[in-house]
Protein backbone atom coordinates (compact mmCIF):
# COMPACT_ATOMS: atom_id res chain seq x y z
CA UNK A 1 -0.01 0.07 -0.01
CA UNK A 2 2.82 2.42 0.83
CA UNK A 3 4.45 1.70 -2.51
CA UNK A 4 1.21 2.48 -4.32
CA UNK A 5 0.83 5.83 -2.49
CA UNK A 6 4.39 6.74 -3.25
CA UNK A 7 3.95 5.91 -6.94
CA UNK A 8 0.63 7.86 -7.09
CA UNK A 9 2.20 10.90 -5.42
CA UNK A 10 5.18 10.83 -7.79
CA UNK A 11 2.88 10.59 -10.79
CA UNK A 12 0.86 13.54 -9.62
CA UNK A 13 3.97 15.63 -9.11
CA UNK A 14 5.31 14.78 -12.57
CA UNK A 15 1.91 15.59 -14.11
CA UNK A 16 1.78 18.96 -12.31
CA UNK A 17 5.29 19.86 -13.42
CA UNK A 18 4.35 18.99 -17.05
CA UNK A 19 1.40 21.38 -16.94
CA UNK A 20 3.26 24.21 -15.20
CA UNK A 21 6.85 23.87 -16.18
CA UNK A 22 7.69 27.49 -15.51
CA UNK A 23 6.90 29.71 -12.51
CA UNK A 24 3.75 31.90 -12.71
CA UNK A 25 3.87 35.46 -13.97
CA UNK A 26 3.05 38.36 -11.61
CA UNK A 27 0.38 40.82 -12.75
CA UNK A 28 0.30 44.05 -10.75
CA UNK A 29 -0.77 47.60 -11.13
CA UNK A 30 -3.20 50.29 -10.07
CA UNK A 31 -6.77 51.15 -11.14
CA UNK A 32 -7.70 54.85 -11.32
CA UNK A 33 -10.63 57.03 -12.30
CA UNK A 34 -9.84 58.24 -15.81
CA UNK A 35 -10.99 61.83 -15.12
CA UNK A 36 -9.82 62.54 -11.61
CA UNK A 37 -6.80 60.15 -11.50
CA UNK A 38 -7.95 59.01 -8.04
CA UNK A 39 -7.28 55.40 -7.18
CA UNK A 40 -10.34 53.12 -7.13
CA UNK A 41 -10.78 50.60 -4.33
CA UNK A 42 -12.78 47.36 -4.47
CA UNK A 43 -12.38 46.97 -8.27
CA UNK A 44 -12.54 43.31 -9.43
CA UNK A 45 -9.49 42.71 -11.60
CA UNK A 46 -9.06 39.31 -13.32
CA UNK A 47 -7.88 37.17 -16.21
CA UNK A 48 -9.98 34.14 -15.29
CA UNK A 49 -12.91 34.66 -12.94
CA UNK A 50 -12.63 32.47 -9.87
CA UNK A 51 -8.96 31.56 -10.55
CA UNK A 52 -6.67 34.43 -11.49
CA UNK A 53 -8.17 37.51 -9.83
CA UNK A 54 -7.82 40.20 -7.24
CA UNK A 55 -9.73 43.12 -5.67
CA UNK A 56 -7.98 46.50 -5.51
CA UNK A 57 -7.00 47.81 -2.13
CA UNK A 58 -7.66 51.37 -0.81
CA UNK A 59 -4.80 52.64 -2.98
CA UNK A 60 -6.26 51.03 -6.13
CA UNK A 61 -3.43 48.45 -6.17
CA UNK A 62 -3.98 44.86 -7.43
CA UNK A 63 -1.61 41.91 -7.56
CA UNK A 64 -2.06 38.26 -8.57
CA UNK A 65 -0.39 35.53 -10.57
CA UNK A 66 -1.09 33.97 -13.96
CA UNK A 67 0.22 30.84 -15.61
CA UNK A 68 -0.56 32.07 -19.11
CA UNK A 69 1.78 34.12 -21.25
CA UNK A 70 -1.00 35.98 -23.11
CA UNK A 71 -3.97 37.20 -21.11
CA UNK A 72 -6.85 39.62 -21.24
CA UNK A 73 -6.83 41.65 -18.05
CA UNK A 74 -10.36 42.80 -17.15
CA UNK A 75 -11.34 45.47 -14.56
CA UNK A 76 -14.98 45.84 -13.37
CA UNK A 77 -16.58 48.13 -10.82
CA UNK A 78 -20.22 49.29 -10.37
CA UNK A 79 -20.70 52.68 -11.94
CA UNK A 80 -17.75 52.28 -14.33
CA UNK A 81 -17.38 50.85 -17.76
CA UNK A 82 -15.65 47.48 -17.96
CA UNK A 83 -12.06 47.78 -19.23
CA UNK A 84 -10.07 44.99 -20.92
CA UNK A 85 -6.43 45.12 -21.85
CA UNK A 86 -4.55 42.38 -23.73
CA UNK A 87 -1.09 41.63 -22.24
CA UNK A 88 1.87 39.45 -23.00
CA UNK A 89 3.59 38.40 -19.82
CA UNK A 90 5.88 39.26 -18.23
CA UNK A 91 4.53 42.78 -18.36
CA UNK A 92 5.40 45.98 -16.46
CA UNK A 93 3.04 47.34 -13.80
CA UNK A 94 -0.25 48.36 -15.33
CA UNK A 95 -2.22 51.56 -14.86
CA UNK A 96 -5.86 50.84 -15.70
CA UNK A 97 -8.05 53.89 -16.24
CA UNK A 98 -11.81 53.37 -15.76
CA UNK A 99 -14.45 55.71 -17.18
CA UNK A 100 -17.74 56.35 -15.43
CA UNK A 101 -20.88 54.96 -17.15
């Protein structure tokens, strides 16, 4: 039984390494109001809902990781138009400007 568990654990590790052979990319930046330039807090920023996502802090800053090299970064907040930006990772820090609806 121990041998089986060891073999299964090794197979899972090898399988995981095959899927994610490189470390994840860091996506980070700030979300601001396009007109005032003020940082926006509680903005939902994501590439994949439920997996690769973050909510901006009180300074409008977001930070999360992605395993993909090409992503569409989306920022959503009530009262603002949704903004999407296509990125190739690694990418510099992003400044995302949201316009009011």
